[in-house]
C-alpha atoms as a PDB file:
ATOM      1  CA  UNK A   1     114.701 102.730 120.710  1.00  0.00           C
ATOM      2  CA  UNK A   2     110.968 101.219 121.740  1.00  0.00           C
ATOM      3  CA  UNK A   3     110.621  98.714 118.122  1.00  0.00           C
ATOM      4  CA  UNK A   4     107.240 100.647 115.813  1.00  0.00           C
ATOM      5  CA  UNK A   5     105.225  98.505 113.988  1.00  0.00           C
ATOM      6  CA  UNK A   6     103.373 100.399 111.205  1.00  0.00           C
ATOM      7  CA  UNK A   7     100.036  99.171 110.803  1.00  0.00           C
ATOM      8  CA  UNK A   8      98.262 101.927 109.650  1.00  0.00           C
ATOM      9  CA  UNK A   9      97.947 105.332 108.089  1.00  0.00           C
ATOM     10  CA  UNK A  10      95.662 107.629 108.266  1.00  0.00           C
ATOM     11  CA  UNK A  11      95.870 111.224 106.800  1.00  0.00           C
ATOM     12  CA  UNK A  12      94.233 114.144 108.307  1.00  0.00           C
ATOM     13  CA  UNK A  13      93.103 117.822 106.055  1.00  0.00           C
ATOM     14  CA  UNK A  14      95.061 118.754 103.205  1.00  0.00           C
ATOM     15  CA  UNK A  15      96.403 122.437 103.346  1.00  0.00           C
ATOM     16  CA  UNK A  16      97.967 124.325 100.048  1.00  0.00           C
ATOM     17  CA  UNK A  17      99.743 127.470  99.470  1.00  0.00           C
ATOM     18  CA  UNK A  18      97.241 129.591  97.559  1.00  0.00           C
ATOM     19  CA  UNK A  19     100.027 131.576  95.732  1.00  0.00           C
ATOM     20  CA  UNK A  20     101.897 128.424  94.298  1.00  0.00           C
ATOM     21  CA  UNK A  21     101.186 126.402  91.637  1.00  0.00           C
ATOM     22  CA  UNK A  22     102.549 123.773  89.930  1.00  0.00           C
ATOM     23  CA  UNK A  23     103.363 119.711  90.828  1.00  0.00           C
ATOM     24  CA  UNK A  24     106.038 117.401  91.828  1.00  0.00           C
ATOM     25  CA  UNK A  25     107.183 119.245  94.964  1.00  0.00           C
ATOM     26  CA  UNK A  26     110.556 118.023  96.478  1.00  0.00           C
ATOM     27  CA  UNK A  27     111.405 119.975  99.049  1.00  0.00           C
ATOM     28  CA  UNK A  28     114.330 119.890 101.014  1.00  0.00           C
ATOM     29  CA  UNK A  29     115.441 121.929 104.082  1.00  0.00           C
ATOM     30  CA  UNK A  30     118.491 124.007 104.146  1.00  0.00           C
ATOM     31  CA  UNK A  31     120.836 125.632 106.277  1.00  0.00           C
ATOM     32  CA  UNK A  32     118.104 128.762 107.298  1.00  0.00           C
ATOM     33  CA  UNK A  33     115.326 126.125 107.891  1.00  0.00           C
ATOM     34  CA  UNK A  34     113.663 127.090 104.917  1.00  0.00           C
ATOM     35  CA  UNK A  35     112.505 124.827 102.257  1.00  0.00           C
ATOM     36  CA  UNK A  36     113.524 124.367  98.816  1.00  0.00           C
ATOM     37  CA  UNK A  37     111.928 122.932  95.541  1.00  0.00           C
ATOM     38  CA  UNK A  38     111.296 122.955  92.420  1.00  0.00           C
ATOM     39  CA  UNK A  39     107.546 122.694  90.473  1.00  0.00           C
ATOM     40  CA  UNK A  40     106.957 122.033  87.632  1.00  0.00           C
ATOM     41  CA  UNK A  41     104.477 122.883  84.954  1.00  0.00           C
ATOM     42  CA  UNK A  42     103.773 125.653  86.604  1.00  0.00           C
ATOM     43  CA  UNK A  43     104.161 129.442  87.857  1.00  0.00           C
ATOM     44  CA  UNK A  44     105.818 128.791  90.430  1.00  0.00           C
ATOM     45  CA  UNK A  45     105.470 131.384  93.221  1.00  0.00           C
ATOM     46  CA  UNK A  46     105.272 134.299  90.377  1.00  0.00           C
ATOM     47  CA  UNK A  47     101.713 133.868  88.977  1.00  0.00           C
ATOM     48  CA  UNK A  48     102.017 135.019  85.360  1.00  0.00           C
ATOM     49  CA  UNK A  49     102.989 132.909  82.271  1.00  0.00           C
ATOM     50  CA  UNK A  50     103.624 129.325  83.414  1.00  0.00           C
ATOM     51  CA  UNK A  51     107.130 127.536  82.692  1.00  0.00           C
ATOM     52  CA  UNK A  52     109.120 123.306  82.246  1.00  0.00           C
ATOM     53  CA  UNK A  53     110.751 124.167  85.718  1.00  0.00           C
ATOM     54  CA  UNK A  54     110.207 126.845  88.460  1.00  0.00           C
ATOM     55  CA  UNK A  55     112.495 126.970  91.255  1.00  0.00           C
ATOM     56  CA  UNK A  56     110.835 128.470  94.971  1.00  0.00           C
ATOM     57  CA  UNK A  57     111.723 128.218  98.363  1.00  0.00           C
ATOM     58  CA  UNK A  58     108.821 127.479 101.130  1.00  0.00           C
ATOM     59  CA  UNK A  59     108.989 129.041 104.882  1.00  0.00           C
ATOM     60  CA  UNK A  60     109.914 126.530 107.103  1.00  0.00           C
ATOM     61  CA  UNK A  61     106.105 126.893 108.257  1.00  0.00           C
ATOM     62  CA  UNK A  62     105.059 126.292 105.046  1.00  0.00           C
ATOM     63  CA  UNK A  63     102.918 129.020 105.107  1.00  0.00           C
ATOM     64  CA  UNK A  64     103.906 130.778 102.244  1.00  0.00           C
ATOM     65  CA  UNK A  65     106.888 130.841  99.226  1.00  0.00           C
ATOM     66  CA  UNK A  66     108.944 132.228  96.701  1.00  0.00           C
ATOM     67  CA  UNK A  67     109.948 131.812  92.787  1.00  0.00           C
ATOM     68  CA  UNK A  68     113.750 131.513  93.591  1.00  0.00           C
ATOM     69  CA  UNK A  69     114.335 131.435  89.390  1.00  0.00           C
ATOM     70  CA  UNK A  70     111.702 130.716  86.624  1.00  0.00           C
ATOM     71  CA  UNK A  71     114.339 128.930  84.838  1.00  0.00           C
ATOM     72  CA  UNK A  72     114.090 129.858  82.009  1.00  0.00           C
ATOM     73  CA  UNK A  73     116.089 128.224  79.915  1.00  0.00           C
ATOM     74  CA  UNK A  74     114.048 125.266  80.121  1.00  0.00           C
ATOM     75  CA  UNK A  75     111.436 126.721  78.319  1.00  0.00           C
ATOM     76  CA  UNK A  76     107.829 127.595  78.901  1.00  0.00           C
ATOM     77  CA  UNK A  77     105.397 125.172  79.779  1.00  0.00           C
ATOM     78  CA  UNK A  78     105.130 121.885  76.952  1.00  0.00           C
ATOM     79  CA  UNK A  79     107.790 123.473  74.998  1.00  0.00           C
ATOM     80  CA  UNK A  80     109.498 120.716  73.457  1.00  0.00           C
ATOM     81  CA  UNK A  81     112.921 120.572  71.898  1.00  0.00           C
ATOM     82  CA  UNK A  82     114.418 117.907  68.835  1.00  0.00           C
ATOM     83  CA  UNK A  83     113.920 114.662  70.817  1.00  0.00           C
ATOM     84  CA  UNK A  84     109.706 115.660  70.848  1.00  0.00           C
ATOM     85  CA  UNK A  85     110.217 115.728  74.805  1.00  0.00           C
ATOM     86  CA  UNK A  86     109.782 118.043  77.698  1.00  0.00           C
ATOM     87  CA  UNK A  87     112.615 119.124  80.734  1.00  0.00           C
ATOM     88  CA  UNK A  88     110.882 118.156  84.210  1.00  0.00           C
ATOM     89  CA  UNK A  89     112.504 117.595  87.294  1.00  0.00           C
ATOM     90  CA  UNK A  90     112.715 114.895  89.984  1.00  0.00           C
ATOM     91  CA  UNK A  91     114.556 114.771  92.976  1.00  0.00           C
ATOM     92  CA  UNK A  92     115.978 117.981  95.435  1.00  0.00           C
ATOM     93  CA  UNK A  93     118.354 118.342  98.208  1.00  0.00           C
ATOM     94  CA  UNK A  94     120.503 120.180 100.046  1.00  0.00           C
ATOM     95  CA  UNK A  95     123.918 119.227 101.253  1.00  0.00           C
ATOM     96  CA  UNK A  96     126.525 121.241 103.282  1.00  0.00           C
ATOM     97  CA  UNK A  97     124.754 124.512 101.528  1.00  0.00           C
ATOM     98  CA  UNK A  98     124.349 123.098  98.402  1.00  0.00           C
ATOM     99  CA  UNK A  99     121.548 122.534  96.785  1.00  0.00           C
ATOM    100  CA  UNK A 100     121.459 119.532  93.623  1.00  0.00           C
ATOM    101  CA  UNK A 101     118.261 119.307  91.351  1.00  0.00           C
ATOM    102  CA  UNK A 102     117.747 116.340  89.158  1.00  0.00           C
ATOM    103  CA  UNK A 103     116.543 117.317  85.349  1.00  0.00           C
ATOM    104  CA  UNK A 104     115.076 114.798  83.066  1.00  0.00           C
ATOM    105  CA  UNK A 105     113.533 114.600  79.533  1.00  0.00           C
ATOM    106  CA  UNK A 106     109.994 113.571  79.635  1.00  0.00           C
ATOM    107  CA  UNK A 107     107.226 112.681  77.122  1.00  0.00           C
ATOM    108  CA  UNK A 108     104.073 112.730  77.465  1.00  0.00           C
ATOM    109  CA  UNK A 109     101.655 109.711  78.440  1.00  0.00           C
ATOM    110  CA  UNK A 110      99.726 110.165  75.066  1.00  0.00           C
ATOM    111  CA  UNK A 111     102.702 110.385  72.926  1.00  0.00           C
ATOM    112  CA  UNK A 112     105.071 108.517  74.556  1.00  0.00           C
ATOM    113  CA  UNK A 113     104.185 104.895  72.897  1.00  0.00           C
ATOM    114  CA  UNK A 114     103.954 103.272  76.315  1.00  0.00           C
ATOM    115  CA  UNK A 115     100.464 100.990  76.122  1.00  0.00           C
ATOM    116  CA  UNK A 116      99.783 102.144  79.632  1.00  0.00           C
ATOM    117  CA  UNK A 117     100.338 105.498  78.521  1.00  0.00           C
ATOM    118  CA  UNK A 118     102.513 106.171  81.200  1.00  0.00           C
ATOM    119  CA  UNK A 119     104.993 109.709  80.885  1.00  0.00           C
ATOM    120  CA  UNK A 120     108.489 108.317  80.278  1.00  0.00           C
ATOM    121  CA  UNK A 121     111.608 109.713  81.265  1.00  0.00           C
ATOM    122  CA  UNK A 122     115.632 109.600  79.554  1.00  0.00           C
ATOM    123  CA  UNK A 123     118.710 111.109  80.160  1.00  0.00           C
ATOM    124  CA  UNK A 124     118.746 112.925  83.603  1.00  0.00           C
ATOM    125  CA  UNK A 125     120.967 114.716  85.183  1.00  0.00           C
ATOM    126  CA  UNK A 126     122.272 116.120  88.573  1.00  0.00           C
ATOM    127  CA  UNK A 127     122.280 120.775  88.694  1.00  0.00           C
ATOM    128  CA  UNK A 128     123.621 122.443  91.604  1.00  0.00           C
ATOM    129  CA  UNK A 129     123.615 125.759  93.209  1.00  0.00           C
ATOM    130  CA  UNK A 130     125.613 127.218  95.814  1.00  0.00           C
ATOM    131  CA  UNK A 131     123.549 130.235  95.819  1.00  0.00           C
ATOM    132  CA  UNK A 132     120.171 128.672  97.149  1.00  0.00           C
ATOM    133  CA  UNK A 133     118.939 128.143  93.120  1.00  0.00           C
ATOM    134  CA  UNK A 134     119.666 131.216  91.956  1.00  0.00           C
ATOM    135  CA  UNK A 135     122.114 130.158  89.281  1.00  0.00           C
ATOM    136  CA  UNK A 136     122.662 126.393  88.389  1.00  0.00           C
ATOM    137  CA  UNK A 137     125.458 124.200  86.684  1.00  0.00           C
ATOM    138  CA  UNK A 138     125.609 121.758  85.072  1.00  0.00           C
ATOM    139  CA  UNK A 139     124.361 124.156  82.234  1.00  0.00           C
ATOM    140  CA  UNK A 140     120.739 123.082  80.297  1.00  0.00           C
ATOM    141  CA  UNK A 141     122.801 122.627  76.892  1.00  0.00           C
ATOM    142  CA  UNK A 142     125.020 120.038  78.749  1.00  0.00           C
ATOM    143  CA  UNK A 143     121.918 118.469  80.265  1.00  0.00           C
ATOM    144  CA  UNK A 144     120.348 117.955  77.063  1.00  0.00           C
ATOM    145  CA  UNK A 145     123.383 117.593  74.645  1.00  0.00           C
ATOM    146  CA  UNK A 146     124.932 115.112  77.611  1.00  0.00           C
ATOM    147  CA  UNK A 147     123.074 113.709  80.245  1.00  0.00           C
ATOM    148  CA  UNK A 148     124.454 111.934  83.039  1.00  0.00           C
ATOM    149  CA  UNK A 149     122.065 109.054  83.607  1.00  0.00           C
ATOM    150  CA  UNK A 150     120.540 108.564  80.191  1.00  0.00           C
ATOM    151  CA  UNK A 151     119.124 105.014  80.994  1.00  0.00           C
ATOM    152  CA  UNK A 152     118.302 102.958  84.043  1.00  0.00           C
ATOM    153  CA  UNK A 153     118.409 105.614  86.743  1.00  0.00           C
ATOM    154  CA  UNK A 154     116.454 108.695  85.534  1.00  0.00           C
ATOM    155  CA  UNK A 155     113.999 109.856  88.125  1.00  0.00           C
ATOM    156  CA  UNK A 156     116.271 109.857  91.308  1.00  0.00           C
ATOM    157  CA  UNK A 157     114.749 111.111  94.476  1.00  0.00           C
ATOM    158  CA  UNK A 158     117.899 111.302  96.788  1.00  0.00           C
ATOM    159  CA  UNK A 159     116.834 110.177 100.228  1.00  0.00           C
ATOM    160  CA  UNK A 160     115.861 112.460 103.231  1.00  0.00           C
ATOM    161  CA  UNK A 161     117.705 112.857 106.837  1.00  0.00           C
ATOM    162  CA  UNK A 162     118.051 116.164 108.123  1.00  0.00           C
ATOM    163  CA  UNK A 163     118.226 119.971 107.868  1.00  0.00           C
ATOM    164  CA  UNK A 164     120.713 120.354 105.248  1.00  0.00           C
ATOM    165  CA  UNK A 165     121.428 116.652 104.575  1.00  0.00           C
ATOM    166  CA  UNK A 166     122.562 115.803 107.969  1.00  0.00           C
ATOM    167  CA  UNK A 167     122.825 112.264 108.916  1.00  0.00           C
ATOM    168  CA  UNK A 168     123.121 109.806 111.886  1.00  0.00           C
ATOM    169  CA  UNK A 169     125.311 107.571 112.064  1.00  0.00           C
ATOM    170  CA  UNK A 170     123.546 104.947 110.369  1.00  0.00           C
ATOM    171  CA  UNK A 171     123.828 102.896 107.604  1.00  0.00           C
ATOM    172  CA  UNK A 172     127.254 104.446 106.105  1.00  0.00           C
ATOM    173  CA  UNK A 173     124.627 107.859 105.418  1.00  0.00           C
ATOM    174  CA  UNK A 174     127.572 109.989 106.745  1.00  0.00           C
ATOM    175  CA  UNK A 175     129.909 108.572 104.304  1.00  0.00           C
ATOM    176  CA  UNK A 176     127.767 108.316 101.148  1.00  0.00           C
ATOM    177  CA  UNK A 177     124.443 109.967  99.417  1.00  0.00           C
ATOM    178  CA  UNK A 178     121.678 107.339  98.409  1.00  0.00           C
ATOM    179  CA  UNK A 179     118.939 108.169  96.309  1.00  0.00           C
ATOM    180  CA  UNK A 180     116.246 105.987  94.417  1.00  0.00           C
ATOM    181  CA  UNK A 181     114.791 105.877  91.001  1.00  0.00           C
ATOM    182  CA  UNK A 182     111.985 103.695  89.244  1.00  0.00           C
ATOM    183  CA  UNK A 183     112.550 102.439  85.499  1.00  0.00           C
ATOM    184  CA  UNK A 184     111.692 105.697  83.542  1.00  0.00           C
ATOM    185  CA  UNK A 185     108.785 106.766  84.402  1.00  0.00           C
ATOM    186  CA  UNK A 186     107.131 109.419  85.739  1.00  0.00           C
ATOM    187  CA  UNK A 187     103.267 107.592  86.909  1.00  0.00           C
ATOM    188  CA  UNK A 188     103.013 103.721  87.736  1.00  0.00           C
ATOM    189  CA  UNK A 189     106.446 103.094  86.879  1.00  0.00           C
ATOM    190  CA  UNK A 190     107.715  99.274  87.785  1.00  0.00           C
ATOM    191  CA  UNK A 191     110.385  98.824  90.611  1.00  0.00           C
ATOM    192  CA  UNK A 192     112.650 100.884  92.092  1.00  0.00           C
ATOM    193  CA  UNK A 193     116.601 100.350  92.150  1.00  0.00           C
ATOM    194  CA  UNK A 194     118.844 102.058  94.831  1.00  0.00           C
ATOM    195  CA  UNK A 195     122.098 104.545  94.128  1.00  0.00           C
ATOM    196  CA  UNK A 196     124.469 105.965  96.096  1.00  0.00           C
ATOM    197  CA  UNK A 197     127.876 108.194  95.938  1.00  0.00           C
ATOM    198  CA  UNK A 198     130.135 109.510  97.828  1.00  0.00           C
ATOM    199  CA  UNK A 199     129.522 112.823  99.723  1.00  0.00           C
ATOM    200  CA  UNK A 200     132.465 114.790  98.802  1.00  0.00           C
ATOM    201  CA  UNK A 201     131.590 113.435  95.441  1.00  0.00           C
ATOM    202  CA  UNK A 202     127.990 114.136  94.937  1.00  0.00           C
ATOM    203  CA  UNK A 203     129.170 118.419  93.513  1.00  0.00           C
ATOM    204  CA  UNK A 204     131.344 116.770  91.458  1.00  0.00           C
ATOM    205  CA  UNK A 205     128.359 115.913  89.557  1.00  0.00           C
ATOM    206  CA  UNK A 206     130.168 112.999  87.808  1.00  0.00           C
ATOM    207  CA  UNK A 207     128.192 109.580  86.877  1.00  0.00           C
ATOM    208  CA  UNK A 208     131.119 107.625  87.298  1.00  0.00           C
ATOM    209  CA  UNK A 209     131.442 107.833  90.704  1.00  0.00           C
ATOM    210  CA  UNK A 210     127.809 106.857  91.417  1.00  0.00           C
ATOM    211  CA  UNK A 211     126.977 102.880  92.496  1.00  0.00           C
ATOM    212  CA  UNK A 212     124.261 101.282  92.619  1.00  0.00           C
ATOM    213  CA  UNK A 213     122.736  98.168  94.796  1.00  0.00           C
ATOM    214  CA  UNK A 214     123.138  94.582  93.279  1.00  0.00           C
ATOM    215  CA  UNK A 215     121.989  92.568  96.323  1.00  0.00           C
ATOM    216  CA  UNK A 216     122.421  91.760 100.007  1.00  0.00           C
ATOM    217  CA  UNK A 217     124.456  93.642 102.560  1.00  0.00           C
ATOM    218  CA  UNK A 218     124.310  96.781 101.938  1.00  0.00           C
ATOM    219  CA  UNK A 219     127.596  97.908 104.155  1.00  0.00           C
ATOM    220  CA  UNK A 220     129.601  95.448 102.161  1.00  0.00           C
ATOM    221  CA  UNK A 221     131.803  97.183  98.860  1.00  0.00           C
ATOM    222  CA  UNK A 222     130.926  94.296  96.850  1.00  0.00           C
ATOM    223  CA  UNK A 223     127.491  94.255  96.916  1.00  0.00           C
ATOM    224  CA  UNK A 224     127.371  97.445  95.072  1.00  0.00           C
ATOM    225  CA  UNK A 225     128.262  98.141  91.017  1.00  0.00           C
ATOM    226  CA  UNK A 226     128.876 101.114  88.663  1.00  0.00           C
ATOM    227  CA  UNK A 227     126.729  99.249  86.401  1.00  0.00           C
ATOM    228  CA  UNK A 228     123.093 100.810  86.986  1.00  0.00           C
ATOM    229  CA  UNK A 229     121.709  97.761  84.630  1.00  0.00           C
ATOM    230  CA  UNK A 230     123.279  95.638  87.146  1.00  0.00           C
ATOM    231  CA  UNK A 231     120.868  97.220  89.785  1.00  0.00           C
ATOM    232  CA  UNK A 232     118.434  95.103  92.160  1.00  0.00           C
ATOM    233  CA  UNK A 233     115.072  95.889  92.440  1.00  0.00           C
ATOM    234  CA  UNK A 234     114.188  96.759  96.107  1.00  0.00           C
ATOM    235  CA  UNK A 235     110.869  97.061  95.581  1.00  0.00           C
ATOM    236  CA  UNK A 236     109.042  95.295  92.461  1.00  0.00           C
ATOM    237  CA  UNK A 237     105.812  96.114  92.300  1.00  0.00           C
ATOM    238  CA  UNK A 238     104.941  96.596  88.234  1.00  0.00           C
ATOM    239  CA  UNK A 239     102.375  99.989  87.689  1.00  0.00           C
ATOM    240  CA  UNK A 240     102.544 100.658  91.118  1.00  0.00           C
ATOM    241  CA  UNK A 241     105.792 102.642  91.457  1.00  0.00           C
ATOM    242  CA  UNK A 242     105.702 106.482  90.457  1.00  0.00           C
ATOM    243  CA  UNK A 243     108.773 109.268  91.274  1.00  0.00           C
ATOM    244  CA  UNK A 244     109.303 109.230  94.447  1.00  0.00           C
ATOM    245  CA  UNK A 245     112.101 108.575  97.182  1.00  0.00           C
ATOM    246  CA  UNK A 246     112.419 108.063 100.947  1.00  0.00           C
ATOM    247  CA  UNK A 247     112.822 110.084 103.792  1.00  0.00           C
ATOM    248  CA  UNK A 248     114.315 108.375 107.192  1.00  0.00           C
ATOM    249  CA  UNK A 249     111.976 108.670 110.106  1.00  0.00           C
ATOM    250  CA  UNK A 250     114.874 108.689 113.693  1.00  0.00           C
ATOM    251  CA  UNK A 251     112.125 108.152 116.238  1.00  0.00           C
ATOM    252  CA  UNK A 252     111.273 105.033 114.333  1.00  0.00           C
ATOM    253  CA  UNK A 253     115.084 104.341 113.112  1.00  0.00           C
ATOM    254  CA  UNK A 254     113.037 103.775 110.176  1.00  0.00           C
ATOM    255  CA  UNK A 255     112.858 104.936 106.021  1.00  0.00           C
ATOM    256  CA  UNK A 256     109.421 105.039 104.696  1.00  0.00           C
ATOM    257  CA  UNK A 257     108.316 106.143 101.122  1.00  0.00           C
ATOM    258  CA  UNK A 258     104.750 106.529  99.620  1.00  0.00           C
ATOM    259  CA  UNK A 259     105.013 105.284  96.402  1.00  0.00           C
ATOM    260  CA  UNK A 260     102.478 106.324  93.571  1.00  0.00           C
ATOM    261  CA  UNK A 261     100.562 105.266  91.467  1.00  0.00           C
ATOM    262  CA  UNK A 262      96.757 106.023  89.059  1.00  0.00           C
ATOM    263  CA  UNK A 263      94.773 103.642  87.841  1.00  0.00           C
ATOM    264  CA  UNK A 264      92.742 103.518  84.177  1.00  0.00           C
ATOM    265  CA  UNK A 265      95.608 103.888  81.209  1.00  0.00           C
ATOM    266  CA  UNK A 266      97.291 106.736  81.609  1.00  0.00           C
ATOM    267  CA  UNK A 267      97.071 110.068  83.425  1.00  0.00           C
ATOM    268  CA  UNK A 268      93.747 111.155  80.889  1.00  0.00           C
ATOM    269  CA  UNK A 269      92.184 107.511  81.774  1.00  0.00           C
ATOM    270  CA  UNK A 270      92.843 108.123  85.545  1.00  0.00           C
ATOM    271  CA  UNK A 271      89.904 107.248  88.104  1.00  0.00           C
ATOM    272  CA  UNK A 272      92.059 107.931  91.327  1.00  0.00           C
ATOM    273  CA  UNK A 273      95.551 107.784  92.522  1.00  0.00           C
ATOM    274  CA  UNK A 274      96.849 105.760  95.197  1.00  0.00           C
ATOM    275  CA  UNK A 275     100.295 106.199  97.518  1.00  0.00           C
ATOM    276  CA  UNK A 276     101.757 102.637  98.935  1.00  0.00           C
ATOM    277  CA  UNK A 277     103.205 103.836 102.439  1.00  0.00           C
ATOM    278  CA  UNK A 278     106.516 101.074 102.369  1.00  0.00           C
ATOM    279  CA  UNK A 279     108.754 101.081 105.167  1.00  0.00           C
ATOM    280  CA  UNK A 280     112.239  99.541 105.432  1.00  0.00           C
ATOM    281  CA  UNK A 281     115.175  99.279 108.362  1.00  0.00           C
ATOM    282  CA  UNK A 282     117.625 100.369 105.582  1.00  0.00           C
ATOM    283  CA  UNK A 283     118.151 102.117 102.264  1.00  0.00           C
ATOM    284  CA  UNK A 284     118.189  98.706 100.256  1.00  0.00           C
ATOM    285  CA  UNK A 285     115.466  97.246 102.505  1.00  0.00           C
ATOM    286  CA  UNK A 286     113.937  95.037 103.145  1.00  0.00           C
ATOM    287  CA  UNK A 287     110.621  97.295 102.379  1.00  0.00           C
ATOM    288  CA  UNK A 288     107.660  96.553 103.593  1.00  0.00           C
ATOM    289  CA  UNK A 289     104.436  97.358 102.275  1.00  0.00           C
ATOM    290  CA  UNK A 290     102.418  99.048 106.027  1.00  0.00           C
ATOM    291  CA  UNK A 291      99.224 100.783 104.391  1.00  0.00           C
ATOM    292  CA  UNK A 292      97.470 101.797 101.235  1.00  0.00           C
ATOM    293  CA  UNK A 293      96.075 105.210 100.561  1.00  0.00           C
ATOM    294  CA  UNK A 294      93.317 106.108  97.852  1.00  0.00           C
ATOM    295  CA  UNK A 295      92.997 109.637  96.423  1.00  0.00           C
ATOM    296  CA  UNK A 296      89.702 110.730  94.824  1.00  0.00           C
ATOM    297  CA  UNK A 297      88.938 113.060  93.108  1.00  0.00           C
ATOM    298  CA  UNK A 298      91.977 114.743  94.644  1.00  0.00           C
ATOM    299  CA  UNK A 299      94.465 113.078  92.326  1.00  0.00           C
ATOM    300  CA  UNK A 300      97.584 114.157  94.316  1.00  0.00           C
ATOM    301  CA  UNK A 301     100.792 112.549  93.581  1.00  0.00           C
ATOM    302  CA  UNK A 302     104.942 113.000  93.573  1.00  0.00           C
ATOM    303  CA  UNK A 303     104.354 112.437  97.552  1.00  0.00           C
ATOM    304  CA  UNK A 304     107.447 112.979 100.293  1.00  0.00           C
ATOM    305  CA  UNK A 305     107.677 112.125 103.670  1.00  0.00           C
ATOM    306  CA  UNK A 306     108.624 115.922 105.371  1.00  0.00           C
ATOM    307  CA  UNK A 307     111.680 115.997 107.721  1.00  0.00           C
ATOM    308  CA  UNK A 308     110.377 118.400 110.428  1.00  0.00           C
ATOM    309  CA  UNK A 309     107.339 117.871 111.479  1.00  0.00           C
ATOM    310  CA  UNK A 310     107.843 114.792 113.257  1.00  0.00           C
ATOM    311  CA  UNK A 311     106.552 113.636 116.521  1.00  0.00           C
ATOM    312  CA  UNK A 312     106.190 110.130 118.190  1.00  0.00           C
ATOM    313  CA  UNK A 313     103.900 109.684 121.365  1.00  0.00           C
ATOM    314  CA  UNK A 314     103.844 105.826 122.327  1.00  0.00           C
ATOM    315  CA  UNK A 315     102.324 104.016 119.454  1.00  0.00           C
ATOM    316  CA  UNK A 316     101.373 106.869 117.813  1.00  0.00           C
ATOM    317  CA  UNK A 317     103.649 108.811 115.116  1.00  0.00           C
ATOM    318  CA  UNK A 318     102.441 112.129 113.596  1.00  0.00           C
ATOM    319  CA  UNK A 319     104.357 113.066 109.772  1.00  0.00           C
ATOM    320  CA  UNK A 320     104.058 115.680 107.198  1.00  0.00           C
ATOM    321  CA  UNK A 321     103.699 114.980 103.474  1.00  0.00           C
ATOM    322  CA  UNK A 322     104.117 117.332 101.215  1.00  0.00           C
ATOM    323  CA  UNK A 323     102.217 116.677  96.858  1.00  0.00           C
ATOM    324  CA  UNK A 324     101.842 117.698  94.217  1.00  0.00           C
ATOM    325  CA  UNK A 325      98.511 117.773  92.398  1.00  0.00           C
ATOM    326  CA  UNK A 326      95.575 117.945  91.692  1.00  0.00           C
ATOM    327  CA  UNK A 327      96.956 119.128  88.032  1.00  0.00           C
ATOM    328  CA  UNK A 328      92.979 118.158  86.994  1.00  0.00           C
ATOM    329  CA  UNK A 329      92.500 121.182  89.122  1.00  0.00           C
ATOM    330  CA  UNK A 330      93.816 124.244  88.875  1.00  0.00           C
ATOM    331  CA  UNK A 331      92.248 125.204  92.081  1.00  0.00           C
ATOM    332  CA  UNK A 332      94.196 122.691  94.095  1.00  0.00           C
ATOM    333  CA  UNK A 333      97.300 122.749  91.363  1.00  0.00           C
ATOM    334  CA  UNK A 334      99.440 123.512  94.136  1.00  0.00           C
ATOM    335  CA  UNK A 335     102.091 123.045  96.974  1.00  0.00           C
ATOM    336  CA  UNK A 336     100.018 120.563  99.458  1.00  0.00           C
ATOM    337  CA  UNK A 337     100.961 119.539 102.719  1.00  0.00           C
ATOM    338  CA  UNK A 338      99.024 116.480 104.562  1.00  0.00           C
ATOM    339  CA  UNK A 339      98.990 115.637 107.797  1.00  0.00           C
ATOM    340  CA  UNK A 340      99.834 111.572 108.954  1.00  0.00           C
ATOM    341  CA  UNK A 341      98.927 109.825 112.083  1.00  0.00           C
ATOM    342  CA  UNK A 342     100.469 106.755 111.903  1.00  0.00           C
ATOM    343  CA  UNK A 343      99.705 104.061 114.290  1.00  0.00           C
ATOM    344  CA  UNK A 344     101.870 101.346 115.404  1.00  0.00           C
ATOM    345  CA  UNK A 345     102.656  98.643 117.701  1.00  0.00           C
END
């Protein structure tokens, strides 16, 4: 494979699915070629009342979709429980025909107590569905009363490889499922850590099966620990690490992730959002900041590079990115696809 060092990333014209609504989409490709994703603060594709969470399917061409499950047990939009928090989702992944979705407890920035008015996240759990989102285990009650990750790994986004979780023979990716989490913020977190679980243990939904990268060569067992508090920071960039996850790009043999953050003091004092594009040869790094992109006035956020639509021609690589937003403008508060052109050398 010819080397490819990313020097510039250019975004094209956004395209949105008009019938959709909500944010924080993290599409994963199922065995049928379609994409599956949760949406938050949302009516999904059904219209009408908005819930904290809907689960949806998007056709492979990205032009239409449908709501599979309105997830009513997770509450109406903004509905809080005794902890003063609402349900929101982060990462989603399809592995061997089974969907996995992360749900956690969120507190909006004006109530979170954070000095920067960031939206905090605690008590995350992984749900699974063997019928493409129609039903889920664990239950909402179990996730609320007995969360898998009470702290330290509360915004996991799975590293995406190929359709239905198919992975090339790199970085033990055929053996392990990897996920990246920040330090407990929806927006503008401070750093990312890396976790992994054996592929054949993912469906057990047992937090004790997970381990966390501590530094050094990630191919070596001694560089992983069961204690999330001892995880190394694979990217350390205070206030620049919103919820996000990497995607493996086979055409260049690298991982690419768009981190994101708000300027201003919290989402209600937002001037713009930024995407920081990081690339690395392995899930554990070393991660390099390749380019930055300002989003104004749209305010896109929670970006994910898709595993399809990738095309390399010499030193040019074309990709597609899905993002949520803008929560300030309901006309574009939808499932949004943005073409990217990467120029390398």
